[in-house]
Amino acid sequence: MRTIYSAIFHNLFIKILALALAVFTWSYIIGQLYREAPEIQRGSSTVVKIEDKNVIVKNLPVYVNLAGMPDRRYKVAIDRIRITPPECAITGPLEKLENLTFITTEPISVNGLTKSIKQKVKLKVPASCSIYKEQQFFVVIPIVRSRLR
């Protein structure tokens, strides 16, 4: 019992001082990180304001824009369409991007198709905006035989 008591209370002042310094250091670092972090608005997408400029970077989901119809005996399996990556960071003026909720691909023709396709696609980026980090987008469009006769 005496060893537990001495382990706890031996150098008690030094232990309390070390704890106080650790808490102070932690709160200082958290405060610095909070002050230096960019302003973030939360919504369906993340918007990051860049200091003193009317320019923002916004992450948007990418939607596939299909044009035409496959062969009459086939259909597009809409629920199985995949785009990689599914999001894109767009940069541009605040007034152009603040109400934008998604971005689409250039039209992809499925006219007369009887087989699934996989291809590289381009995005329709609004005027005076650009893709934040240039990357390639790939889409897989499954074409399945229709059950209707």
C-alpha atoms as a PDB file:
ATOM      1  CA  MET A   1       0.000   0.000   0.000  1.00  0.00           C
ATOM      2  CA  ARG A   2       2.862   2.320   0.791  1.00  0.00           C
ATOM      3  CA  THR A   3       4.413   1.848  -2.715  1.00  0.00           C
ATOM      4  CA  ILE A   4       1.160   2.789  -4.480  1.00  0.00           C
ATOM      5  CA  TYR A   5       0.844   5.895  -2.318  1.00  0.00           C
ATOM      6  CA  SER A   6       4.430   6.944  -3.012  1.00  0.00           C
ATOM      7  CA  ALA A   7       4.057   6.225  -6.766  1.00  0.00           C
ATOM      8  CA  ILE A   8       1.068   8.551  -6.945  1.00  0.00           C
ATOM      9  CA  PHE A   9       2.181  11.348  -4.649  1.00  0.00           C
ATOM     10  CA  HIS A  10       5.962  11.303  -5.173  1.00  0.00           C
ATOM     11  CA  ASN A  11       6.857  14.380  -7.262  1.00  0.00           C
ATOM     12  CA  LEU A  12       3.151  15.332  -7.478  1.00  0.00           C
ATOM     13  CA  PHE A  13       3.957  18.958  -8.289  1.00  0.00           C
ATOM     14  CA  ILE A  14       6.125  17.954 -11.275  1.00  0.00           C
ATOM     15  CA  LYS A  15       3.386  15.631 -12.578  1.00  0.00           C
ATOM     16  CA  ILE A  16       0.715  18.354 -12.327  1.00  0.00           C
ATOM     17  CA  LEU A  17       3.026  20.858 -14.022  1.00  0.00           C
ATOM     18  CA  ALA A  18       3.754  18.400 -16.876  1.00  0.00           C
ATOM     19  CA  LEU A  19       0.023  17.780 -17.372  1.00  0.00           C
ATOM     20  CA  ALA A  20      -0.715  21.530 -17.435  1.00  0.00           C
ATOM     21  CA  LEU A  21       2.047  22.134 -20.004  1.00  0.00           C
ATOM     22  CA  ALA A  22       0.768  19.269 -22.191  1.00  0.00           C
ATOM     23  CA  VAL A  23      -2.811  20.650 -22.142  1.00  0.00           C
ATOM     24  CA  PHE A  24      -1.551  24.177 -22.912  1.00  0.00           C
ATOM     25  CA  THR A  25       0.594  22.936 -25.817  1.00  0.00           C
ATOM     26  CA  TRP A  26      -2.283  20.884 -27.249  1.00  0.00           C
ATOM     27  CA  SER A  27      -4.737  23.812 -27.078  1.00  0.00           C
ATOM     28  CA  TYR A  28      -2.184  26.169 -28.688  1.00  0.00           C
ATOM     29  CA  ILE A  29      -1.580  23.793 -31.631  1.00  0.00           C
ATOM     30  CA  ILE A  30      -5.324  23.210 -32.175  1.00  0.00           C
ATOM     31  CA  GLY A  31      -5.892  26.990 -32.118  1.00  0.00           C
ATOM     32  CA  GLN A  32      -3.168  27.561 -34.719  1.00  0.00           C
ATOM     33  CA  LEU A  33      -4.580  24.863 -36.994  1.00  0.00           C
ATOM     34  CA  TYR A  34      -8.069  26.339 -36.698  1.00  0.00           C
ATOM     35  CA  ARG A  35      -6.866  29.857 -37.574  1.00  0.00           C
ATOM     36  CA  GLU A  36      -4.874  28.666 -40.611  1.00  0.00           C
ATOM     37  CA  ALA A  37      -7.576  26.356 -42.015  1.00  0.00           C
ATOM     38  CA  PRO A  38      -9.458  27.647 -45.088  1.00  0.00           C
ATOM     39  CA  GLU A  39     -13.065  28.644 -44.599  1.00  0.00           C
ATOM     40  CA  ILE A  40     -15.310  25.691 -45.425  1.00  0.00           C
ATOM     41  CA  GLN A  41     -19.013  25.879 -46.167  1.00  0.00           C
ATOM     42  CA  ARG A  42     -20.895  22.637 -45.774  1.00  0.00           C
ATOM     43  CA  GLY A  43     -23.603  21.582 -48.192  1.00  0.00           C
ATOM     44  CA  SER A  44     -23.950  18.831 -50.733  1.00  0.00           C
ATOM     45  CA  SER A  45     -20.379  19.617 -51.787  1.00  0.00           C
ATOM     46  CA  THR A  46     -17.365  21.163 -50.116  1.00  0.00           C
ATOM     47  CA  VAL A  47     -16.546  24.739 -51.053  1.00  0.00           C
ATOM     48  CA  VAL A  48     -13.139  26.184 -50.204  1.00  0.00           C
ATOM     49  CA  LYS A  49     -12.683  29.938 -50.455  1.00  0.00           C
ATOM     50  CA  ILE A  50      -9.234  31.101 -51.502  1.00  0.00           C
ATOM     51  CA  GLU A  51      -8.018  34.172 -49.590  1.00  0.00           C
ATOM     52  CA  ASP A  52      -8.784  37.607 -51.053  1.00  0.00           C
ATOM     53  CA  LYS A  53      -9.996  36.207 -54.361  1.00  0.00           C
ATOM     54  CA  ASN A  54     -13.421  35.654 -55.779  1.00  0.00           C
ATOM     55  CA  VAL A  55     -12.403  32.123 -56.824  1.00  0.00           C
ATOM     56  CA  ILE A  56     -13.475  28.848 -55.240  1.00  0.00           C
ATOM     57  CA  VAL A  57     -12.738  25.142 -55.563  1.00  0.00           C
ATOM     58  CA  LYS A  58     -15.779  22.886 -55.387  1.00  0.00           C
ATOM     59  CA  ASN A  59     -16.072  19.079 -55.411  1.00  0.00           C
ATOM     60  CA  LEU A  60     -18.950  17.983 -57.619  1.00  0.00           C
ATOM     61  CA  PRO A  61     -20.369  14.566 -58.485  1.00  0.00           C
ATOM     62  CA  VAL A  62     -20.000  13.610 -62.156  1.00  0.00           C
ATOM     63  CA  TYR A  63     -23.115  12.528 -64.072  1.00  0.00           C
ATOM     64  CA  VAL A  64     -23.012  10.659 -67.374  1.00  0.00           C
ATOM     65  CA  ASN A  65     -24.735  12.352 -70.333  1.00  0.00           C
ATOM     66  CA  LEU A  66     -26.094   9.715 -72.752  1.00  0.00           C
ATOM     67  CA  ALA A  67     -27.206  10.477 -76.297  1.00  0.00           C
ATOM     68  CA  GLY A  68     -29.325   8.229 -78.507  1.00  0.00           C
ATOM     69  CA  MET A  69     -30.765   4.750 -77.991  1.00  0.00           C
ATOM     70  CA  PRO A  70     -29.132   1.317 -78.272  1.00  0.00           C
ATOM     71  CA  ASP A  71     -30.361  -1.285 -80.774  1.00  0.00           C
ATOM     72  CA  ARG A  72     -34.124  -1.922 -80.333  1.00  0.00           C
ATOM     73  CA  ARG A  73     -33.465  -5.329 -78.719  1.00  0.00           C
ATOM     74  CA  TYR A  74     -31.117  -3.818 -76.113  1.00  0.00           C
ATOM     75  CA  LYS A  75     -31.231  -1.260 -73.331  1.00  0.00           C
ATOM     76  CA  VAL A  76     -28.793   0.671 -71.147  1.00  0.00           C
ATOM     77  CA  ALA A  77     -28.546  -0.727 -67.607  1.00  0.00           C
ATOM     78  CA  ILE A  78     -28.766   2.716 -66.027  1.00  0.00           C
ATOM     79  CA  ASP A  79     -28.248   1.468 -62.459  1.00  0.00           C
ATOM     80  CA  ARG A  80     -24.929  -0.157 -63.408  1.00  0.00           C
ATOM     81  CA  ILE A  81     -23.286   2.813 -65.176  1.00  0.00           C
ATOM     82  CA  ARG A  82     -19.952   3.613 -63.514  1.00  0.00           C
ATOM     83  CA  ILE A  83     -17.728   6.660 -63.840  1.00  0.00           C
ATOM     84  CA  THR A  84     -14.231   6.763 -62.414  1.00  0.00           C
ATOM     85  CA  PRO A  85     -13.497   8.940 -60.493  1.00  0.00           C
ATOM     86  CA  PRO A  86     -17.071   9.754 -59.418  1.00  0.00           C
ATOM     87  CA  GLU A  87     -16.209  13.329 -58.338  1.00  0.00           C
ATOM     88  CA  CYS A  88     -14.312  16.235 -59.808  1.00  0.00           C
ATOM     89  CA  ALA A  89     -12.853  19.371 -58.220  1.00  0.00           C
ATOM     90  CA  ILE A  90     -13.757  22.449 -60.282  1.00  0.00           C
ATOM     91  CA  THR A  91     -12.268  25.906 -59.766  1.00  0.00           C
ATOM     92  CA  GLY A  92     -13.782  29.158 -60.946  1.00  0.00           C
ATOM     93  CA  PRO A  93     -15.637  32.321 -59.965  1.00  0.00           C
ATOM     94  CA  LEU A  94     -17.923  32.064 -56.945  1.00  0.00           C
ATOM     95  CA  GLU A  95     -20.970  33.273 -58.874  1.00  0.00           C
ATOM     96  CA  LYS A  96     -20.523  30.506 -61.500  1.00  0.00           C
ATOM     97  CA  LEU A  97     -20.048  27.618 -59.056  1.00  0.00           C
ATOM     98  CA  GLU A  98     -22.066  28.454 -55.955  1.00  0.00           C
ATOM     99  CA  ASN A  99     -25.344  27.037 -57.317  1.00  0.00           C
ATOM    100  CA  LEU A 100     -23.777  24.224 -59.358  1.00  0.00           C
ATOM    101  CA  THR A 101     -24.624  20.825 -57.817  1.00  0.00           C
ATOM    102  CA  PHE A 102     -23.100  18.441 -60.396  1.00  0.00           C
ATOM    103  CA  ILE A 103     -21.067  18.337 -63.594  1.00  0.00           C
ATOM    104  CA  THR A 104     -21.813  16.222 -66.666  1.00  0.00           C
ATOM    105  CA  THR A 105     -19.740  14.441 -69.247  1.00  0.00           C
ATOM    106  CA  GLU A 106     -19.751  15.425 -72.887  1.00  0.00           C
ATOM    107  CA  PRO A 107     -22.579  13.493 -74.618  1.00  0.00           C
ATOM    108  CA  ILE A 108     -21.774   9.793 -75.072  1.00  0.00           C
ATOM    109  CA  SER A 109     -23.548   8.184 -78.021  1.00  0.00           C
ATOM    110  CA  VAL A 110     -25.145   4.786 -77.401  1.00  0.00           C
ATOM    111  CA  ASN A 111     -26.957   4.831 -80.777  1.00  0.00           C
ATOM    112  CA  GLY A 112     -27.460   1.315 -82.118  1.00  0.00           C
ATOM    113  CA  LEU A 113     -25.139  -0.351 -79.596  1.00  0.00           C
ATOM    114  CA  THR A 114     -25.461  -4.052 -78.777  1.00  0.00           C
ATOM    115  CA  LYS A 115     -22.454  -4.358 -76.429  1.00  0.00           C
ATOM    116  CA  SER A 116     -21.290  -2.573 -73.297  1.00  0.00           C
ATOM    117  CA  ILE A 117     -18.697   0.152 -73.754  1.00  0.00           C
ATOM    118  CA  LYS A 118     -15.822   1.505 -71.705  1.00  0.00           C
ATOM    119  CA  GLN A 119     -14.217   4.747 -72.787  1.00  0.00           C
ATOM    120  CA  LYS A 120     -12.396   7.853 -71.695  1.00  0.00           C
ATOM    121  CA  VAL A 121     -14.691  10.882 -71.474  1.00  0.00           C
ATOM    122  CA  LYS A 122     -14.384  14.644 -71.160  1.00  0.00           C
ATOM    123  CA  LEU A 123     -16.408  16.828 -68.810  1.00  0.00           C
ATOM    124  CA  LYS A 124     -18.579  19.818 -69.743  1.00  0.00           C
ATOM    125  CA  VAL A 125     -16.884  22.520 -67.690  1.00  0.00           C
ATOM    126  CA  PRO A 126     -18.719  25.870 -67.401  1.00  0.00           C
ATOM    127  CA  ALA A 127     -17.137  28.876 -69.135  1.00  0.00           C
ATOM    128  CA  SER A 128     -14.390  30.606 -67.088  1.00  0.00           C
ATOM    129  CA  CYS A 129     -14.018  27.492 -64.909  1.00  0.00           C
ATOM    130  CA  SER A 130     -11.513  24.652 -65.058  1.00  0.00           C
ATOM    131  CA  ILE A 131     -10.787  21.256 -63.560  1.00  0.00           C
ATOM    132  CA  TYR A 132      -8.712  21.830 -60.408  1.00  0.00           C
ATOM    133  CA  LYS A 133      -6.384  18.852 -60.865  1.00  0.00           C
ATOM    134  CA  GLU A 134      -6.279  17.592 -64.429  1.00  0.00           C
ATOM    135  CA  GLN A 135      -7.264  13.930 -64.508  1.00  0.00           C
ATOM    136  CA  GLN A 136      -8.823  11.382 -66.827  1.00  0.00           C
ATOM    137  CA  PHE A 137     -12.381  10.144 -66.468  1.00  0.00           C
ATOM    138  CA  PHE A 138     -13.533   6.716 -67.605  1.00  0.00           C
ATOM    139  CA  VAL A 139     -17.095   5.519 -67.987  1.00  0.00           C
ATOM    140  CA  VAL A 140     -18.522   2.004 -68.264  1.00  0.00           C
ATOM    141  CA  ILE A 141     -21.951   1.845 -69.884  1.00  0.00           C
ATOM    142  CA  PRO A 142     -23.504  -1.633 -69.685  1.00  0.00           C
ATOM    143  CA  ILE A 143     -25.768  -2.559 -72.614  1.00  0.00           C
ATOM    144  CA  VAL A 144     -28.010  -5.568 -71.875  1.00  0.00           C
ATOM    145  CA  ARG A 145     -30.501  -7.493 -73.944  1.00  0.00           C
ATOM    146  CA  SER A 146     -34.042  -6.269 -73.356  1.00  0.00           C
ATOM    147  CA  ARG A 147     -36.563  -8.804 -72.047  1.00  0.00           C
ATOM    148  CA  LEU A 148     -39.355  -7.302 -74.107  1.00  0.00           C
ATOM    149  CA  ARG A 149     -40.160  -9.171 -77.340  1.00  0.00           C
END
